[in-house]
Amino acid sequence: MLMLPAAPMTRLLAGADHSRTRRQILTLTTPASLGVYPVLTIPDELLGGRVRVGFQFIAARGAEWRLVELATRLAESRPTPGCTR
């Protein structure tokens, strides 16, 4: 699995002009998409929230299960606000 930046920010404002931001995001995400690799994209808050970017985890073709496992572990390790277990 490979971890790379996916976006130069963690959130987009609704209704704002994102034409410049879109180009930046596509520059980071297009190679994995064109290579037909499975990708999980997450905000940095799930990894501690220190760098204020989005990350993408890229798995080998046919290894989508690794991304599902990672997403499950991240979800289980971080409590959801307002939910109790």
PDB file of N, CA and C in Angstrom:
ATOM      1  N   MET A   1       0.847  -1.161   0.000  1.00  0.00           N
ATOM      2  CA  MET A   1       0.000   0.000   0.000  1.00  0.00           C
ATOM      3  C   MET A   1       0.899   1.232   0.000  1.00  0.00           C
ATOM      4  N   LEU A   2       0.432   2.258  -0.691  1.00  0.00           N
ATOM      5  CA  LEU A   2       1.180   3.501  -0.820  1.00  0.00           C
ATOM      6  C   LEU A   2       0.323   4.643  -0.292  1.00  0.00           C
ATOM      7  N   MET A   3       0.907   5.525   0.495  1.00  0.00           N
ATOM      8  CA  MET A   3       0.189   6.688   1.021  1.00  0.00           C
ATOM      9  C   MET A   3       0.762   7.941   0.381  1.00  0.00           C
ATOM     10  N   LEU A   4      -0.115   8.730  -0.246  1.00  0.00           N
ATOM     11  CA  LEU A   4       0.291   9.959  -0.925  1.00  0.00           C
ATOM     12  C   LEU A   4      -0.692  11.076  -0.607  1.00  0.00           C
ATOM     13  N   PRO A   5      -0.294  12.339  -0.791  1.00  0.00           N
ATOM     14  CA  PRO A   5      -1.263  13.424  -0.629  1.00  0.00           C
ATOM     15  C   PRO A   5      -2.330  13.324  -1.716  1.00  0.00           C
ATOM     16  N   ALA A   6      -3.554  13.713  -1.372  1.00  0.00           N
ATOM     17  CA  ALA A   6      -4.648  13.665  -2.349  1.00  0.00           C
ATOM     18  C   ALA A   6      -5.250  15.036  -2.605  1.00  0.00           C
ATOM     19  N   ALA A   7      -5.090  15.933  -1.645  1.00  0.00           N
ATOM     20  CA  ALA A   7      -5.669  17.267  -1.780  1.00  0.00           C
ATOM     21  C   ALA A   7      -4.876  18.242  -0.917  1.00  0.00           C
ATOM     22  N   PRO A   8      -4.719  19.465  -1.398  1.00  0.00           N
ATOM     23  CA  PRO A   8      -3.969  20.456  -0.631  1.00  0.00           C
ATOM     24  C   PRO A   8      -4.801  21.113   0.474  1.00  0.00           C
ATOM     25  N   MET A   9      -5.919  20.488   0.831  1.00  0.00           N
ATOM     26  CA  MET A   9      -6.780  20.995   1.892  1.00  0.00           C
ATOM     27  C   MET A   9      -7.621  19.835   2.404  1.00  0.00           C
ATOM     28  N   THR A  10      -8.333  20.048   3.507  1.00  0.00           N
ATOM     29  CA  THR A  10      -9.182  18.981   4.040  1.00  0.00           C
ATOM     30  C   THR A  10     -10.652  19.196   3.739  1.00  0.00           C
ATOM     31  N   ARG A  11     -11.051  20.417   3.442  1.00  0.00           N
ATOM     32  CA  ARG A  11     -12.469  20.687   3.183  1.00  0.00           C
ATOM     33  C   ARG A  11     -12.621  21.690   2.040  1.00  0.00           C
ATOM     34  N   LEU A  12     -13.738  21.549   1.318  1.00  0.00           N
ATOM     35  CA  LEU A  12     -14.107  22.513   0.285  1.00  0.00           C
ATOM     36  C   LEU A  12     -15.383  23.204   0.730  1.00  0.00           C
ATOM     37  N   LEU A  13     -15.468  24.498   0.539  1.00  0.00           N
ATOM     38  CA  LEU A  13     -16.654  25.249   0.917  1.00  0.00           C
ATOM     39  C   LEU A  13     -17.717  25.125  -0.167  1.00  0.00           C
ATOM     40  N   ALA A  14     -18.934  24.832   0.235  1.00  0.00           N
ATOM     41  CA  ALA A  14     -20.040  24.716  -0.712  1.00  0.00           C
ATOM     42  C   ALA A  14     -20.279  26.068  -1.383  1.00  0.00           C
ATOM     43  N   GLY A  15     -20.465  26.043  -2.682  1.00  0.00           N
ATOM     44  CA  GLY A  15     -20.767  27.249  -3.434  1.00  0.00           C
ATOM     45  C   GLY A  15     -19.564  28.080  -3.833  1.00  0.00           C
ATOM     46  N   ALA A  16     -18.375  27.738  -3.365  1.00  0.00           N
ATOM     47  CA  ALA A  16     -17.169  28.497  -3.713  1.00  0.00           C
ATOM     48  C   ALA A  16     -16.627  28.053  -5.071  1.00  0.00           C
ATOM     49  N   ASP A  17     -15.820  28.901  -5.676  1.00  0.00           N
ATOM     50  CA  ASP A  17     -15.169  28.554  -6.946  1.00  0.00           C
ATOM     51  C   ASP A  17     -13.967  27.664  -6.640  1.00  0.00           C
ATOM     52  N   HIS A  18     -14.024  26.430  -7.095  1.00  0.00           N
ATOM     53  CA  HIS A  18     -12.950  25.475  -6.827  1.00  0.00           C
ATOM     54  C   HIS A  18     -12.161  25.111  -8.082  1.00  0.00           C
ATOM     55  N   SER A  19     -12.188  25.956  -9.105  1.00  0.00           N
ATOM     56  CA  SER A  19     -11.511  25.619 -10.358  1.00  0.00           C
ATOM     57  C   SER A  19      -9.999  25.459 -10.156  1.00  0.00           C
ATOM     58  N   ARG A  20      -9.374  26.315  -9.387  1.00  0.00           N
ATOM     59  CA  ARG A  20      -7.923  26.181  -9.134  1.00  0.00           C
ATOM     60  C   ARG A  20      -7.643  24.957  -8.259  1.00  0.00           C
ATOM     61  N   THR A  21      -8.442  24.794  -7.228  1.00  0.00           N
ATOM     62  CA  THR A  21      -8.277  23.662  -6.321  1.00  0.00           C
ATOM     63  C   THR A  21      -8.481  22.347  -7.064  1.00  0.00           C
ATOM     64  N   ARG A  22      -9.457  22.311  -7.959  1.00  0.00           N
ATOM     65  CA  ARG A  22      -9.735  21.092  -8.732  1.00  0.00           C
ATOM     66  C   ARG A  22      -8.502  20.654  -9.521  1.00  0.00           C
ATOM     67  N   ARG A  23      -7.821  21.596 -10.135  1.00  0.00           N
ATOM     68  CA  ARG A  23      -6.598  21.265 -10.888  1.00  0.00           C
ATOM     69  C   ARG A  23      -5.541  20.670  -9.956  1.00  0.00           C
ATOM     70  N   GLN A  24      -5.408  21.240  -8.752  1.00  0.00           N
ATOM     71  CA  GLN A  24      -4.424  20.727  -7.790  1.00  0.00           C
ATOM     72  C   GLN A  24      -4.781  19.302  -7.352  1.00  0.00           C
ATOM     73  N   ILE A  25      -6.053  19.071  -7.090  1.00  0.00           N
ATOM     74  CA  ILE A  25      -6.497  17.732  -6.676  1.00  0.00           C
ATOM     75  C   ILE A  25      -6.266  16.729  -7.798  1.00  0.00           C
ATOM     76  N   LEU A  26      -6.640  17.090  -9.016  1.00  0.00           N
ATOM     77  CA  LEU A  26      -6.475  16.168 -10.145  1.00  0.00           C
ATOM     78  C   LEU A  26      -5.005  15.850 -10.416  1.00  0.00           C
ATOM     79  N   THR A  27      -4.124  16.814 -10.192  1.00  0.00           N
ATOM     80  CA  THR A  27      -2.693  16.562 -10.356  1.00  0.00           C
ATOM     81  C   THR A  27      -2.230  15.451  -9.414  1.00  0.00           C
ATOM     82  N   LEU A  28      -2.793  15.424  -8.217  1.00  0.00           N
ATOM     83  CA  LEU A  28      -2.391  14.431  -7.218  1.00  0.00           C
ATOM     84  C   LEU A  28      -3.106  13.089  -7.383  1.00  0.00           C
ATOM     85  N   THR A  29      -4.341  13.096  -7.861  1.00  0.00           N
ATOM     86  CA  THR A  29      -5.131  11.861  -7.879  1.00  0.00           C
ATOM     87  C   THR A  29      -5.209  11.162  -9.230  1.00  0.00           C
ATOM     88  N   THR A  30      -4.930  11.857 -10.309  1.00  0.00           N
ATOM     89  CA  THR A  30      -5.067  11.266 -11.640  1.00  0.00           C
ATOM     90  C   THR A  30      -4.156  10.059 -11.881  1.00  0.00           C
ATOM     91  N   PRO A  31      -2.894  10.064 -11.464  1.00  0.00           N
ATOM     92  CA  PRO A  31      -2.045   8.894 -11.755  1.00  0.00           C
ATOM     93  C   PRO A  31      -2.629   7.574 -11.250  1.00  0.00           C
ATOM     94  N   ALA A  32      -3.125   7.531 -10.033  1.00  0.00           N
ATOM     95  CA  ALA A  32      -3.705   6.281  -9.506  1.00  0.00           C
ATOM     96  C   ALA A  32      -4.982   5.938 -10.251  1.00  0.00           C
ATOM     97  N   SER A  33      -5.780   6.944 -10.579  1.00  0.00           N
ATOM     98  CA  SER A  33      -7.030   6.691 -11.296  1.00  0.00           C
ATOM     99  C   SER A  33      -6.767   6.126 -12.690  1.00  0.00           C
ATOM    100  N   LEU A  34      -5.821   6.721 -13.393  1.00  0.00           N
ATOM    101  CA  LEU A  34      -5.508   6.228 -14.738  1.00  0.00           C
ATOM    102  C   LEU A  34      -4.867   4.842 -14.701  1.00  0.00           C
ATOM    103  N   GLY A  35      -4.167   4.545 -13.615  1.00  0.00           N
ATOM    104  CA  GLY A  35      -3.568   3.225 -13.457  1.00  0.00           C
ATOM    105  C   GLY A  35      -4.563   2.170 -13.005  1.00  0.00           C
ATOM    106  N   VAL A  36      -5.800   2.577 -12.763  1.00  0.00           N
ATOM    107  CA  VAL A  36      -6.894   1.704 -12.334  1.00  0.00           C
ATOM    108  C   VAL A  36      -6.537   0.996 -11.022  1.00  0.00           C
ATOM    109  N   TYR A  37      -5.968   1.759 -10.096  1.00  0.00           N
ATOM    110  CA  TYR A  37      -5.654   1.233  -8.767  1.00  0.00           C
ATOM    111  C   TYR A  37      -6.766   1.615  -7.807  1.00  0.00           C
ATOM    112  N   PRO A  38      -7.113   0.748  -6.869  1.00  0.00           N
ATOM    113  CA  PRO A  38      -8.106   1.118  -5.870  1.00  0.00           C
ATOM    114  C   PRO A  38      -7.511   2.129  -4.893  1.00  0.00           C
ATOM    115  N   VAL A  39      -8.323   3.124  -4.518  1.00  0.00           N
ATOM    116  CA  VAL A  39      -7.839   4.218  -3.684  1.00  0.00           C
ATOM    117  C   VAL A  39      -8.844   4.507  -2.569  1.00  0.00           C
ATOM    118  N   LEU A  40      -8.331   4.773  -1.389  1.00  0.00           N
ATOM    119  CA  LEU A  40      -9.115   5.257  -0.260  1.00  0.00           C
ATOM    120  C   LEU A  40      -8.592   6.648   0.060  1.00  0.00           C
ATOM    121  N   THR A  41      -9.462   7.652   0.045  1.00  0.00           N
ATOM    122  CA  THR A  41      -9.056   9.015   0.341  1.00  0.00           C
ATOM    123  C   THR A  41      -9.662   9.436   1.670  1.00  0.00           C
ATOM    124  N   ILE A  42      -8.828  10.016   2.529  1.00  0.00           N
ATOM    125  CA  ILE A  42      -9.295  10.415   3.859  1.00  0.00           C
ATOM    126  C   ILE A  42      -8.731  11.787   4.226  1.00  0.00           C
ATOM    127  N   PRO A  43      -9.438  12.521   5.087  1.00  0.00           N
ATOM    128  CA  PRO A  43      -8.878  13.778   5.589  1.00  0.00           C
ATOM    129  C   PRO A  43      -7.812  13.482   6.630  1.00  0.00           C
ATOM    130  N   ASP A  44      -6.898  14.412   6.807  1.00  0.00           N
ATOM    131  CA  ASP A  44      -5.816  14.175   7.762  1.00  0.00           C
ATOM    132  C   ASP A  44      -6.292  14.098   9.206  1.00  0.00           C
ATOM    133  N   GLU A  45      -7.510  14.556   9.500  1.00  0.00           N
ATOM    134  CA  GLU A  45      -8.031  14.450  10.861  1.00  0.00           C
ATOM    135  C   GLU A  45      -8.028  13.002  11.350  1.00  0.00           C
ATOM    136  N   LEU A  46      -8.206  12.064  10.422  1.00  0.00           N
ATOM    137  CA  LEU A  46      -8.216  10.654  10.803  1.00  0.00           C
ATOM    138  C   LEU A  46      -6.822  10.138  11.137  1.00  0.00           C
ATOM    139  N   LEU A  47      -5.797  10.926  10.799  1.00  0.00           N
ATOM    140  CA  LEU A  47      -4.421  10.528  11.087  1.00  0.00           C
ATOM    141  C   LEU A  47      -3.767  11.462  12.107  1.00  0.00           C
ATOM    142  N   GLY A  48      -4.555  12.244  12.780  1.00  0.00           N
ATOM    143  CA  GLY A  48      -4.016  13.146  13.789  1.00  0.00           C
ATOM    144  C   GLY A  48      -4.208  14.613  13.477  1.00  0.00           C
ATOM    145  N   GLY A  49      -4.523  14.950  12.227  1.00  0.00           N
ATOM    146  CA  GLY A  49      -4.855  16.318  11.862  1.00  0.00           C
ATOM    147  C   GLY A  49      -3.761  17.344  11.991  1.00  0.00           C
ATOM    148  N   ARG A  50      -2.537  17.017  11.663  1.00  0.00           N
ATOM    149  CA  ARG A  50      -1.435  17.972  11.844  1.00  0.00           C
ATOM    150  C   ARG A  50      -1.044  18.737  10.581  1.00  0.00           C
ATOM    151  N   VAL A  51      -1.290  18.176   9.413  1.00  0.00           N
ATOM    152  CA  VAL A  51      -0.771  18.808   8.204  1.00  0.00           C
ATOM    153  C   VAL A  51      -1.834  19.467   7.330  1.00  0.00           C
ATOM    154  N   ARG A  52      -3.090  19.255   7.626  1.00  0.00           N
ATOM    155  CA  ARG A  52      -4.208  19.913   6.935  1.00  0.00           C
ATOM    156  C   ARG A  52      -4.270  19.621   5.433  1.00  0.00           C
ATOM    157  N   VAL A  53      -4.112  18.387   5.074  1.00  0.00           N
ATOM    158  CA  VAL A  53      -4.280  17.954   3.691  1.00  0.00           C
ATOM    159  C   VAL A  53      -5.103  16.670   3.686  1.00  0.00           C
ATOM    160  N   GLY A  54      -5.540  16.272   2.514  1.00  0.00           N
ATOM    161  CA  GLY A  54      -6.191  14.979   2.372  1.00  0.00           C
ATOM    162  C   GLY A  54      -5.167  13.959   1.902  1.00  0.00           C
ATOM    163  N   PHE A  55      -5.344  12.718   2.300  1.00  0.00           N
ATOM    164  CA  PHE A  55      -4.425  11.654   1.897  1.00  0.00           C
ATOM    165  C   PHE A  55      -5.143  10.589   1.089  1.00  0.00           C
ATOM    166  N   GLN A  56      -4.396   9.931   0.230  1.00  0.00           N
ATOM    167  CA  GLN A  56      -4.933   8.785  -0.484  1.00  0.00           C
ATOM    168  C   GLN A  56      -4.047   7.580  -0.210  1.00  0.00           C
ATOM    169  N   PHE A  57      -4.692   6.473   0.043  1.00  0.00           N
ATOM    170  CA  PHE A  57      -4.006   5.195   0.198  1.00  0.00           C
ATOM    171  C   PHE A  57      -4.287   4.416  -1.074  1.00  0.00           C
ATOM    172  N   ILE A  58      -3.245   3.986  -1.744  1.00  0.00           N
ATOM    173  CA  ILE A  58      -3.376   3.281  -3.013  1.00  0.00           C
ATOM    174  C   ILE A  58      -2.951   1.831  -2.803  1.00  0.00           C
ATOM    175  N   ALA A  59      -3.834   0.913  -3.184  1.00  0.00           N
ATOM    176  CA  ALA A  59      -3.538  -0.515  -3.047  1.00  0.00           C
ATOM    177  C   ALA A  59      -3.267  -1.119  -4.424  1.00  0.00           C
ATOM    178  N   ALA A  60      -2.738  -2.309  -4.407  1.00  0.00           N
ATOM    179  CA  ALA A  60      -2.508  -3.030  -5.657  1.00  0.00           C
ATOM    180  C   ALA A  60      -3.851  -3.406  -6.282  1.00  0.00           C
ATOM    181  N   ARG A  61      -3.877  -3.565  -7.588  1.00  0.00           N
ATOM    182  CA  ARG A  61      -5.104  -4.021  -8.250  1.00  0.00           C
ATOM    183  C   ARG A  61      -5.522  -5.350  -7.643  1.00  0.00           C
ATOM    184  N   GLY A  62      -6.806  -5.465  -7.341  1.00  0.00           N
ATOM    185  CA  GLY A  62      -7.321  -6.689  -6.746  1.00  0.00           C
ATOM    186  C   GLY A  62      -7.189  -6.736  -5.230  1.00  0.00           C
ATOM    187  N   ALA A  63      -6.605  -5.706  -4.635  1.00  0.00           N
ATOM    188  CA  ALA A  63      -6.404  -5.697  -3.185  1.00  0.00           C
ATOM    189  C   ALA A  63      -7.281  -4.648  -2.500  1.00  0.00           C
ATOM    190  N   GLU A  64      -8.491  -4.462  -3.026  1.00  0.00           N
ATOM    191  CA  GLU A  64      -9.415  -3.513  -2.424  1.00  0.00           C
ATOM    192  C   GLU A  64      -9.670  -3.849  -0.963  1.00  0.00           C
ATOM    193  N   TRP A  65      -9.618  -5.134  -0.635  1.00  0.00           N
ATOM    194  CA  TRP A  65      -9.871  -5.584   0.733  1.00  0.00           C
ATOM    195  C   TRP A  65      -8.915  -4.920   1.722  1.00  0.00           C
ATOM    196  N   ARG A  66      -7.697  -4.618   1.283  1.00  0.00           N
ATOM    197  CA  ARG A  66      -6.747  -3.940   2.174  1.00  0.00           C
ATOM    198  C   ARG A  66      -7.241  -2.541   2.540  1.00  0.00           C
ATOM    199  N   LEU A  67      -7.845  -1.858   1.579  1.00  0.00           N
ATOM    200  CA  LEU A  67      -8.377  -0.524   1.845  1.00  0.00           C
ATOM    201  C   LEU A  67      -9.597  -0.600   2.762  1.00  0.00           C
ATOM    202  N   VAL A  68     -10.429  -1.618   2.561  1.00  0.00           N
ATOM    203  CA  VAL A  68     -11.592  -1.803   3.441  1.00  0.00           C
ATOM    204  C   VAL A  68     -11.118  -2.084   4.863  1.00  0.00           C
ATOM    205  N   GLU A  69     -10.100  -2.920   5.002  1.00  0.00           N
ATOM    206  CA  GLU A  69      -9.528  -3.192   6.328  1.00  0.00           C
ATOM    207  C   GLU A  69      -9.005  -1.913   6.978  1.00  0.00           C
ATOM    208  N   LEU A  70      -8.274  -1.109   6.222  1.00  0.00           N
ATOM    209  CA  LEU A  70      -7.730   0.138   6.745  1.00  0.00           C
ATOM    210  C   LEU A  70      -8.855   1.080   7.164  1.00  0.00           C
ATOM    211  N   ALA A  71      -9.871   1.230   6.326  1.00  0.00           N
ATOM    212  CA  ALA A  71     -10.994   2.109   6.647  1.00  0.00           C
ATOM    213  C   ALA A  71     -11.700   1.643   7.918  1.00  0.00           C
ATOM    214  N   THR A  72     -11.849   0.339   8.063  1.00  0.00           N
ATOM    215  CA  THR A  72     -12.489  -0.214   9.258  1.00  0.00           C
ATOM    216  C   THR A  72     -11.662   0.091  10.494  1.00  0.00           C
ATOM    217  N   ARG A  73     -10.345  -0.121  10.414  1.00  0.00           N
ATOM    218  CA  ARG A  73      -9.474   0.169  11.559  1.00  0.00           C
ATOM    219  C   ARG A  73      -9.493   1.644  11.931  1.00  0.00           C
ATOM    220  N   LEU A  74      -9.486   2.511  10.932  1.00  0.00           N
ATOM    221  CA  LEU A  74      -9.533   3.953  11.212  1.00  0.00           C
ATOM    222  C   LEU A  74     -10.860   4.332  11.863  1.00  0.00           C
ATOM    223  N   ALA A  75     -11.947   3.782  11.365  1.00  0.00           N
ATOM    224  CA  ALA A  75     -13.265   4.086  11.931  1.00  0.00           C
ATOM    225  C   ALA A  75     -13.378   3.584  13.367  1.00  0.00           C
ATOM    226  N   GLU A  76     -12.844   2.413  13.628  1.00  0.00           N
ATOM    227  CA  GLU A  76     -12.933   1.846  14.963  1.00  0.00           C
ATOM    228  C   GLU A  76     -12.025   2.554  15.965  1.00  0.00           C
ATOM    229  N   SER A  77     -10.958   3.150  15.494  1.00  0.00           N
ATOM    230  CA  SER A  77     -10.004   3.800  16.396  1.00  0.00           C
ATOM    231  C   SER A  77     -10.393   5.236  16.735  1.00  0.00           C
ATOM    232  N   ARG A  78     -11.379   5.748  16.075  1.00  0.00           N
ATOM    233  CA  ARG A  78     -11.784   7.141  16.288  1.00  0.00           C
ATOM    234  C   ARG A  78     -13.258   7.194  16.634  1.00  0.00           C
ATOM    235  N   PRO A  79     -13.600   7.643  17.836  1.00  0.00           N
ATOM    236  CA  PRO A  79     -15.010   7.705  18.212  1.00  0.00           C
ATOM    237  C   PRO A  79     -15.777   8.731  17.374  1.00  0.00           C
ATOM    238  N   THR A  80     -16.987   8.401  17.026  1.00  0.00           N
ATOM    239  CA  THR A  80     -17.849   9.314  16.284  1.00  0.00           C
ATOM    240  C   THR A  80     -18.519  10.257  17.279  1.00  0.00           C
ATOM    241  N   PRO A  81     -18.448  11.573  17.054  1.00  0.00           N
ATOM    242  CA  PRO A  81     -19.086  12.506  17.983  1.00  0.00           C
ATOM    243  C   PRO A  81     -20.575  12.195  18.135  1.00  0.00           C
ATOM    244  N   GLY A  82     -21.038  12.156  19.375  1.00  0.00           N
ATOM    245  CA  GLY A  82     -22.449  11.930  19.637  1.00  0.00           C
ATOM    246  C   GLY A  82     -22.859  10.469  19.682  1.00  0.00           C
ATOM    247  N   CYS A  83     -21.922   9.559  19.392  1.00  0.00           N
ATOM    248  CA  CYS A  83     -22.238   8.121  19.422  1.00  0.00           C
ATOM    249  C   CYS A  83     -21.569   7.463  20.608  1.00  0.00           C
ATOM    250  N   THR A  84     -22.260   6.504  21.174  1.00  0.00           N
ATOM    251  CA  THR A  84     -21.659   5.714  22.238  1.00  0.00           C
ATOM    252  C   THR A  84     -21.624   4.274  21.785  1.00  0.00           C
ATOM    253  N   ARG A  85     -20.648   3.538  22.277  1.00  0.00           N
ATOM    254  CA  ARG A  85     -20.528   2.132  21.880  1.00  0.00           C
ATOM    255  C   ARG A  85     -20.973   1.248  23.002  1.00  0.00           C
TER     256      ARG A  85
END
